[in-house]
Amino acid sequence: CVQVTDQTDDKKYAMKVIPKVANGKQRCMEKIENEISILVDMDHPSVARMHRFFEDEENVYIVLELCDNKSMIDLLKVRQRLT
């Protein structure tokens, strides 16, 4: 993910960029559509909310709530295990 800023209100978001050509176009698009469908329905305080998505010829872009906390990998490095 990369951090982006909405130019209309200066709000910061995380944006996931997914290439359409990875792993065969049809199967890749099915996985992307499934991920978006899950994110649309997801409403949980511990899961980043999706704000919008869009696509161009090469990529699908998913705009998510920006989380200021560390990533799961960072937490695992510190804690050595999840509880």
PDB file of N, CA and C in Angstrom:
ATOM      1  N   CYS A   1       0.838  -1.191   0.000  1.00  0.00           N
ATOM      2  CA  CYS A   1       0.000   0.000   0.000  1.00  0.00           C
ATOM      3  C   CYS A   1       0.879   1.250   0.000  1.00  0.00           C
ATOM      4  N   VAL A   2       0.313   2.280  -0.563  1.00  0.00           N
ATOM      5  CA  VAL A   2       0.976   3.575  -0.544  1.00  0.00           C
ATOM      6  C   VAL A   2       0.044   4.588   0.108  1.00  0.00           C
ATOM      7  N   GLN A   3       0.621   5.586   0.726  1.00  0.00           N
ATOM      8  CA  GLN A   3      -0.183   6.639   1.346  1.00  0.00           C
ATOM      9  C   GLN A   3      -0.515   7.684   0.291  1.00  0.00           C
ATOM     10  N   VAL A   4      -1.813   8.069   0.240  1.00  0.00           N
ATOM     11  CA  VAL A   4      -2.267   9.086  -0.706  1.00  0.00           C
ATOM     12  C   VAL A   4      -3.074  10.135   0.046  1.00  0.00           C
ATOM     13  N   THR A   5      -3.235  11.302  -0.576  1.00  0.00           N
ATOM     14  CA  THR A   5      -3.996  12.389   0.022  1.00  0.00           C
ATOM     15  C   THR A   5      -5.110  12.812  -0.927  1.00  0.00           C
ATOM     16  N   ASP A   6      -6.327  12.886  -0.417  1.00  0.00           N
ATOM     17  CA  ASP A   6      -7.460  13.376  -1.198  1.00  0.00           C
ATOM     18  C   ASP A   6      -7.290  14.883  -1.372  1.00  0.00           C
ATOM     19  N   GLN A   7      -7.224  15.341  -2.596  1.00  0.00           N
ATOM     20  CA  GLN A   7      -6.965  16.754  -2.868  1.00  0.00           C
ATOM     21  C   GLN A   7      -8.151  17.647  -2.510  1.00  0.00           C
ATOM     22  N   THR A   8      -9.343  17.074  -2.346  1.00  0.00           N
ATOM     23  CA  THR A   8     -10.508  17.894  -2.020  1.00  0.00           C
ATOM     24  C   THR A   8     -10.560  18.281  -0.549  1.00  0.00           C
ATOM     25  N   ASP A   9     -10.049  17.404   0.333  1.00  0.00           N
ATOM     26  CA  ASP A   9     -10.132  17.702   1.770  1.00  0.00           C
ATOM     27  C   ASP A   9      -8.836  17.434   2.536  1.00  0.00           C
ATOM     28  N   ASP A  10      -7.755  17.115   1.829  1.00  0.00           N
ATOM     29  CA  ASP A  10      -6.438  16.825   2.429  1.00  0.00           C
ATOM     30  C   ASP A  10      -6.446  15.638   3.389  1.00  0.00           C
ATOM     31  N   LYS A  11      -7.437  14.769   3.300  1.00  0.00           N
ATOM     32  CA  LYS A  11      -7.493  13.582   4.145  1.00  0.00           C
ATOM     33  C   LYS A  11      -6.555  12.515   3.578  1.00  0.00           C
ATOM     34  N   LYS A  12      -5.860  11.812   4.460  1.00  0.00           N
ATOM     35  CA  LYS A  12      -4.893  10.794   4.046  1.00  0.00           C
ATOM     36  C   LYS A  12      -5.532   9.406   4.060  1.00  0.00           C
ATOM     37  N   TYR A  13      -5.168   8.601   3.054  1.00  0.00           N
ATOM     38  CA  TYR A  13      -5.676   7.244   2.904  1.00  0.00           C
ATOM     39  C   TYR A  13      -4.527   6.312   2.530  1.00  0.00           C
ATOM     40  N   ALA A  14      -4.784   5.021   2.649  1.00  0.00           N
ATOM     41  CA  ALA A  14      -3.881   4.005   2.110  1.00  0.00           C
ATOM     42  C   ALA A  14      -4.488   3.548   0.791  1.00  0.00           C
ATOM     43  N   MET A  15      -3.660   3.376  -0.233  1.00  0.00           N
ATOM     44  CA  MET A  15      -4.167   2.896  -1.509  1.00  0.00           C
ATOM     45  C   MET A  15      -3.410   1.639  -1.911  1.00  0.00           C
ATOM     46  N   LYS A  16      -4.177   0.592  -2.150  1.00  0.00           N
ATOM     47  CA  LYS A  16      -3.620  -0.672  -2.609  1.00  0.00           C
ATOM     48  C   LYS A  16      -3.713  -0.686  -4.130  1.00  0.00           C
ATOM     49  N   VAL A  17      -2.590  -0.917  -4.794  1.00  0.00           N
ATOM     50  CA  VAL A  17      -2.534  -0.957  -6.247  1.00  0.00           C
ATOM     51  C   VAL A  17      -2.324  -2.405  -6.664  1.00  0.00           C
ATOM     52  N   ILE A  18      -3.274  -2.947  -7.441  1.00  0.00           N
ATOM     53  CA  ILE A  18      -3.222  -4.355  -7.837  1.00  0.00           C
ATOM     54  C   ILE A  18      -3.128  -4.442  -9.357  1.00  0.00           C
ATOM     55  N   PRO A  19      -2.015  -4.984  -9.873  1.00  0.00           N
ATOM     56  CA  PRO A  19      -1.900  -5.148 -11.326  1.00  0.00           C
ATOM     57  C   PRO A  19      -2.925  -6.161 -11.845  1.00  0.00           C
ATOM     58  N   LYS A  20      -3.538  -5.857 -12.972  1.00  0.00           N
ATOM     59  CA  LYS A  20      -4.540  -6.751 -13.554  1.00  0.00           C
ATOM     60  C   LYS A  20      -3.926  -7.972 -14.223  1.00  0.00           C
ATOM     61  N   VAL A  21      -2.675  -7.911 -14.616  1.00  0.00           N
ATOM     62  CA  VAL A  21      -2.069  -8.979 -15.405  1.00  0.00           C
ATOM     63  C   VAL A  21      -1.488 -10.106 -14.562  1.00  0.00           C
ATOM     64  N   ALA A  22      -1.425  -9.958 -13.271  1.00  0.00           N
ATOM     65  CA  ALA A  22      -0.812 -10.980 -12.419  1.00  0.00           C
ATOM     66  C   ALA A  22      -1.642 -12.263 -12.421  1.00  0.00           C
ATOM     67  N   ASN A  23      -0.989 -13.402 -12.489  1.00  0.00           N
ATOM     68  CA  ASN A  23      -1.600 -14.731 -12.357  1.00  0.00           C
ATOM     69  C   ASN A  23      -2.704 -15.020 -13.373  1.00  0.00           C
ATOM     70  N   GLY A  24      -2.599 -14.542 -14.555  1.00  0.00           N
ATOM     71  CA  GLY A  24      -3.637 -14.788 -15.554  1.00  0.00           C
ATOM     72  C   GLY A  24      -4.794 -13.839 -15.333  1.00  0.00           C
ATOM     73  N   LYS A  25      -5.169 -13.121 -16.327  1.00  0.00           N
ATOM     74  CA  LYS A  25      -6.104 -12.006 -16.180  1.00  0.00           C
ATOM     75  C   LYS A  25      -7.448 -12.414 -15.572  1.00  0.00           C
ATOM     76  N   GLN A  26      -8.076 -13.480 -16.063  1.00  0.00           N
ATOM     77  CA  GLN A  26      -9.412 -13.858 -15.583  1.00  0.00           C
ATOM     78  C   GLN A  26      -9.384 -14.238 -14.108  1.00  0.00           C
ATOM     79  N   ARG A  27      -8.467 -15.088 -13.715  1.00  0.00           N
ATOM     80  CA  ARG A  27      -8.383 -15.532 -12.317  1.00  0.00           C
ATOM     81  C   ARG A  27      -8.025 -14.360 -11.403  1.00  0.00           C
ATOM     82  N   CYS A  28      -7.129 -13.505 -11.857  1.00  0.00           N
ATOM     83  CA  CYS A  28      -6.722 -12.347 -11.074  1.00  0.00           C
ATOM     84  C   CYS A  28      -7.913 -11.426 -10.834  1.00  0.00           C
ATOM     85  N   MET A  29      -8.697 -11.165 -11.875  1.00  0.00           N
ATOM     86  CA  MET A  29      -9.849 -10.282 -11.739  1.00  0.00           C
ATOM     87  C   MET A  29     -10.895 -10.882 -10.801  1.00  0.00           C
ATOM     88  N   GLU A  30     -11.062 -12.190 -10.812  1.00  0.00           N
ATOM     89  CA  GLU A  30     -11.991 -12.842  -9.885  1.00  0.00           C
ATOM     90  C   GLU A  30     -11.549 -12.622  -8.438  1.00  0.00           C
ATOM     91  N   LYS A  31     -10.261 -12.750  -8.185  1.00  0.00           N
ATOM     92  CA  LYS A  31      -9.733 -12.532  -6.836  1.00  0.00           C
ATOM     93  C   LYS A  31      -9.916 -11.080  -6.400  1.00  0.00           C
ATOM     94  N   ILE A  32      -9.670 -10.152  -7.305  1.00  0.00           N
ATOM     95  CA  ILE A  32      -9.830  -8.726  -6.986  1.00  0.00           C
ATOM     96  C   ILE A  32     -11.288  -8.418  -6.684  1.00  0.00           C
ATOM     97  N   GLU A  33     -12.195  -8.914  -7.528  1.00  0.00           N
ATOM     98  CA  GLU A  33     -13.631  -8.689  -7.312  1.00  0.00           C
ATOM     99  C   GLU A  33     -14.081  -9.287  -5.977  1.00  0.00           C
ATOM    100  N   ASN A  34     -13.549 -10.452  -5.634  1.00  0.00           N
ATOM    101  CA  ASN A  34     -13.884 -11.085  -4.359  1.00  0.00           C
ATOM    102  C   ASN A  34     -13.385 -10.241  -3.187  1.00  0.00           C
ATOM    103  N   GLU A  35     -12.167  -9.740  -3.280  1.00  0.00           N
ATOM    104  CA  GLU A  35     -11.618  -8.891  -2.218  1.00  0.00           C
ATOM    105  C   GLU A  35     -12.461  -7.624  -2.037  1.00  0.00           C
ATOM    106  N   ILE A  36     -12.823  -6.989  -3.138  1.00  0.00           N
ATOM    107  CA  ILE A  36     -13.643  -5.773  -3.061  1.00  0.00           C
ATOM    108  C   ILE A  36     -15.004  -6.085  -2.445  1.00  0.00           C
ATOM    109  N   SER A  37     -15.604  -7.195  -2.831  1.00  0.00           N
ATOM    110  CA  SER A  37     -16.902  -7.593  -2.282  1.00  0.00           C
ATOM    111  C   SER A  37     -16.831  -7.785  -0.769  1.00  0.00           C
ATOM    112  N   ILE A  38     -15.773  -8.415  -0.299  1.00  0.00           N
ATOM    113  CA  ILE A  38     -15.581  -8.618   1.139  1.00  0.00           C
ATOM    114  C   ILE A  38     -15.401  -7.279   1.840  1.00  0.00           C
ATOM    115  N   LEU A  39     -14.578  -6.402   1.274  1.00  0.00           N
ATOM    116  CA  LEU A  39     -14.322  -5.101   1.891  1.00  0.00           C
ATOM    117  C   LEU A  39     -15.573  -4.225   1.943  1.00  0.00           C
ATOM    118  N   VAL A  40     -16.412  -4.311   0.930  1.00  0.00           N
ATOM    119  CA  VAL A  40     -17.658  -3.532   0.915  1.00  0.00           C
ATOM    120  C   VAL A  40     -18.549  -3.941   2.084  1.00  0.00           C
ATOM    121  N   ASP A  41     -18.618  -5.234   2.355  1.00  0.00           N
ATOM    122  CA  ASP A  41     -19.493  -5.758   3.415  1.00  0.00           C
ATOM    123  C   ASP A  41     -18.873  -5.699   4.808  1.00  0.00           C
ATOM    124  N   MET A  42     -17.573  -5.488   4.893  1.00  0.00           N
ATOM    125  CA  MET A  42     -16.864  -5.521   6.166  1.00  0.00           C
ATOM    126  C   MET A  42     -17.132  -4.257   6.979  1.00  0.00           C
ATOM    127  N   ASP A  43     -17.537  -4.465   8.232  1.00  0.00           N
ATOM    128  CA  ASP A  43     -17.729  -3.334   9.143  1.00  0.00           C
ATOM    129  C   ASP A  43     -17.288  -3.794  10.530  1.00  0.00           C
ATOM    130  N   HIS A  44     -16.019  -3.608  10.807  1.00  0.00           N
ATOM    131  CA  HIS A  44     -15.441  -4.063  12.066  1.00  0.00           C
ATOM    132  C   HIS A  44     -14.397  -3.044  12.508  1.00  0.00           C
ATOM    133  N   PRO A  45     -14.359  -2.707  13.791  1.00  0.00           N
ATOM    134  CA  PRO A  45     -13.410  -1.686  14.251  1.00  0.00           C
ATOM    135  C   PRO A  45     -11.934  -2.059  14.079  1.00  0.00           C
ATOM    136  N   SER A  46     -11.633  -3.343  13.928  1.00  0.00           N
ATOM    137  CA  SER A  46     -10.246  -3.776  13.783  1.00  0.00           C
ATOM    138  C   SER A  46      -9.826  -3.978  12.332  1.00  0.00           C
ATOM    139  N   VAL A  47     -10.706  -3.654  11.394  1.00  0.00           N
ATOM    140  CA  VAL A  47     -10.407  -3.834   9.972  1.00  0.00           C
ATOM    141  C   VAL A  47     -10.516  -2.478   9.275  1.00  0.00           C
ATOM    142  N   ALA A  48      -9.507  -2.150   8.483  1.00  0.00           N
ATOM    143  CA  ALA A  48      -9.514  -0.875   7.749  1.00  0.00           C
ATOM    144  C   ALA A  48     -10.705  -0.840   6.795  1.00  0.00           C
ATOM    145  N   ARG A  49     -11.406   0.272   6.791  1.00  0.00           N
ATOM    146  CA  ARG A  49     -12.577   0.417   5.922  1.00  0.00           C
ATOM    147  C   ARG A  49     -12.161   0.851   4.515  1.00  0.00           C
ATOM    148  N   MET A  50     -12.871   0.294   3.529  1.00  0.00           N
ATOM    149  CA  MET A  50     -12.642   0.709   2.152  1.00  0.00           C
ATOM    150  C   MET A  50     -13.487   1.954   1.874  1.00  0.00           C
ATOM    151  N   HIS A  51     -12.861   2.956   1.263  1.00  0.00           N
ATOM    152  CA  HIS A  51     -13.588   4.181   0.929  1.00  0.00           C
ATOM    153  C   HIS A  51     -14.083   4.170  -0.508  1.00  0.00           C
ATOM    154  N   ARG A  52     -13.280   3.641  -1.402  1.00  0.00           N
ATOM    155  CA  ARG A  52     -13.681   3.572  -2.805  1.00  0.00           C
ATOM    156  C   ARG A  52     -12.690   2.695  -3.556  1.00  0.00           C
ATOM    157  N   PHE A  53     -13.058   2.381  -4.781  1.00  0.00           N
ATOM    158  CA  PHE A  53     -12.130   1.676  -5.666  1.00  0.00           C
ATOM    159  C   PHE A  53     -12.368   2.164  -7.086  1.00  0.00           C
ATOM    160  N   PHE A  54     -11.337   2.030  -7.917  1.00  0.00           N
ATOM    161  CA  PHE A  54     -11.435   2.397  -9.323  1.00  0.00           C
ATOM    162  C   PHE A  54     -10.355   1.640 -10.074  1.00  0.00           C
ATOM    163  N   GLU A  55     -10.419   1.695 -11.393  1.00  0.00           N
ATOM    164  CA  GLU A  55      -9.447   0.958 -12.192  1.00  0.00           C
ATOM    165  C   GLU A  55      -9.101   1.720 -13.463  1.00  0.00           C
ATOM    166  N   ASP A  56      -7.959   1.343 -14.037  1.00  0.00           N
ATOM    167  CA  ASP A  56      -7.575   1.812 -15.352  1.00  0.00           C
ATOM    168  C   ASP A  56      -7.206   0.574 -16.168  1.00  0.00           C
ATOM    169  N   GLU A  57      -6.558   0.740 -17.272  1.00  0.00           N
ATOM    170  CA  GLU A  57      -6.219  -0.398 -18.142  1.00  0.00           C
ATOM    171  C   GLU A  57      -5.287  -1.405 -17.462  1.00  0.00           C
ATOM    172  N   GLU A  58      -4.409  -0.937 -16.579  1.00  0.00           N
ATOM    173  CA  GLU A  58      -3.370  -1.796 -16.011  1.00  0.00           C
ATOM    174  C   GLU A  58      -3.610  -2.236 -14.571  1.00  0.00           C
ATOM    175  N   ASN A  59      -4.300  -1.429 -13.774  1.00  0.00           N
ATOM    176  CA  ASN A  59      -4.406  -1.684 -12.339  1.00  0.00           C
ATOM    177  C   ASN A  59      -5.811  -1.466 -11.807  1.00  0.00           C
ATOM    178  N   VAL A  60      -6.054  -2.088 -10.650  1.00  0.00           N
ATOM    179  CA  VAL A  60      -7.228  -1.784  -9.832  1.00  0.00           C
ATOM    180  C   VAL A  60      -6.694  -1.094  -8.585  1.00  0.00           C
ATOM    181  N   TYR A  61      -7.362  -0.025  -8.166  1.00  0.00           N
ATOM    182  CA  TYR A  61      -6.927   0.769  -7.016  1.00  0.00           C
ATOM    183  C   TYR A  61      -7.997   0.682  -5.937  1.00  0.00           C
ATOM    184  N   ILE A  62      -7.595   0.285  -4.735  1.00  0.00           N
ATOM    185  CA  ILE A  62      -8.517   0.205  -3.607  1.00  0.00           C
ATOM    186  C   ILE A  62      -8.050   1.227  -2.573  1.00  0.00           C
ATOM    187  N   VAL A  63      -8.929   2.172  -2.256  1.00  0.00           N
ATOM    188  CA  VAL A  63      -8.613   3.241  -1.312  1.00  0.00           C
ATOM    189  C   VAL A  63      -9.177   2.848   0.050  1.00  0.00           C
ATOM    190  N   LEU A  64      -8.284   2.735   1.025  1.00  0.00           N
ATOM    191  CA  LEU A  64      -8.638   2.245   2.360  1.00  0.00           C
ATOM    192  C   LEU A  64      -8.357   3.295   3.427  1.00  0.00           C
ATOM    193  N   GLU A  65      -9.001   3.120   4.548  1.00  0.00           N
ATOM    194  CA  GLU A  65      -8.714   3.928   5.730  1.00  0.00           C
ATOM    195  C   GLU A  65      -7.232   3.774   6.074  1.00  0.00           C
ATOM    196  N   LEU A  66      -6.572   4.857   6.376  1.00  0.00           N
ATOM    197  CA  LEU A  66      -5.159   4.812   6.754  1.00  0.00           C
ATOM    198  C   LEU A  66      -5.038   4.500   8.235  1.00  0.00           C
ATOM    199  N   CYS A  67      -4.318   3.458   8.554  1.00  0.00           N
ATOM    200  CA  CYS A  67      -4.127   3.063   9.950  1.00  0.00           C
ATOM    201  C   CYS A  67      -2.767   3.562  10.416  1.00  0.00           C
ATOM    202  N   ASP A  68      -2.765   4.279  11.508  1.00  0.00           N
ATOM    203  CA  ASP A  68      -1.516   4.835  12.030  1.00  0.00           C
ATOM    204  C   ASP A  68      -0.709   3.826  12.839  1.00  0.00           C
ATOM    205  N   ASN A  69      -1.347   2.748  13.267  1.00  0.00           N
ATOM    206  CA  ASN A  69      -0.635   1.733  14.047  1.00  0.00           C
ATOM    207  C   ASN A  69       0.319   0.963  13.151  1.00  0.00           C
ATOM    208  N   LYS A  70       1.177   0.204  13.767  1.00  0.00           N
ATOM    209  CA  LYS A  70       2.138  -0.584  13.014  1.00  0.00           C
ATOM    210  C   LYS A  70       1.437  -1.702  12.250  1.00  0.00           C
ATOM    211  N   SER A  71       2.122  -2.257  11.268  1.00  0.00           N
ATOM    212  CA  SER A  71       1.575  -3.360  10.486  1.00  0.00           C
ATOM    213  C   SER A  71       1.642  -4.652  11.293  1.00  0.00           C
ATOM    214  N   MET A  72       0.957  -5.676  10.816  1.00  0.00           N
ATOM    215  CA  MET A  72       0.960  -6.980  11.471  1.00  0.00           C
ATOM    216  C   MET A  72       2.385  -7.538  11.540  1.00  0.00           C
ATOM    217  N   ILE A  73       3.163  -7.345  10.498  1.00  0.00           N
ATOM    218  CA  ILE A  73       4.553  -7.828  10.488  1.00  0.00           C
ATOM    219  C   ILE A  73       5.364  -7.128  11.569  1.00  0.00           C
ATOM    220  N   ASP A  74       5.185  -5.810  11.707  1.00  0.00           N
ATOM    221  CA  ASP A  74       5.902  -5.065  12.752  1.00  0.00           C
ATOM    222  C   ASP A  74       5.544  -5.596  14.138  1.00  0.00           C
ATOM    223  N   LEU A  75       4.260  -5.869  14.363  1.00  0.00           N
ATOM    224  CA  LEU A  75       3.835  -6.402  15.665  1.00  0.00           C
ATOM    225  C   LEU A  75       4.422  -7.784  15.923  1.00  0.00           C
ATOM    226  N   LEU A  76       4.472  -8.621  14.900  1.00  0.00           N
ATOM    227  CA  LEU A  76       5.047  -9.958  15.065  1.00  0.00           C
ATOM    228  C   LEU A  76       6.521  -9.911  15.405  1.00  0.00           C
ATOM    229  N   LYS A  77       7.234  -8.976  14.805  1.00  0.00           N
ATOM    230  CA  LYS A  77       8.670  -8.831  15.092  1.00  0.00           C
ATOM    231  C   LYS A  77       8.895  -8.495  16.553  1.00  0.00           C
ATOM    232  N   VAL A  78       8.031  -7.661  17.111  1.00  0.00           N
ATOM    233  CA  VAL A  78       8.173  -7.227  18.508  1.00  0.00           C
ATOM    234  C   VAL A  78       7.689  -8.303  19.474  1.00  0.00           C
ATOM    235  N   ARG A  79       6.508  -8.839  19.199  1.00  0.00           N
ATOM    236  CA  ARG A  79       5.853  -9.779  20.141  1.00  0.00           C
ATOM    237  C   ARG A  79       6.284 -11.228  19.962  1.00  0.00           C
ATOM    238  N   GLN A  80       6.783 -11.594  18.789  1.00  0.00           N
ATOM    239  CA  GLN A  80       7.192 -12.957  18.450  1.00  0.00           C
ATOM    240  C   GLN A  80       6.013 -13.895  18.214  1.00  0.00           C
ATOM    241  N   ARG A  81       4.801 -13.522  18.647  1.00  0.00           N
ATOM    242  CA  ARG A  81       3.610 -14.345  18.395  1.00  0.00           C
ATOM    243  C   ARG A  81       2.365 -13.475  18.574  1.00  0.00           C
ATOM    244  N   LEU A  82       1.268 -13.923  18.009  1.00  0.00           N
ATOM    245  CA  LEU A  82      -0.003 -13.222  18.165  1.00  0.00           C
ATOM    246  C   LEU A  82      -0.823 -13.886  19.247  1.00  0.00           C
ATOM    247  N   THR A  83      -1.571 -13.094  19.979  1.00  0.00           N
ATOM    248  CA  THR A  83      -2.456 -13.658  21.014  1.00  0.00           C
ATOM    249  C   THR A  83      -3.872 -13.216  20.775  1.00  0.00           C
TER     250      THR A  83
END
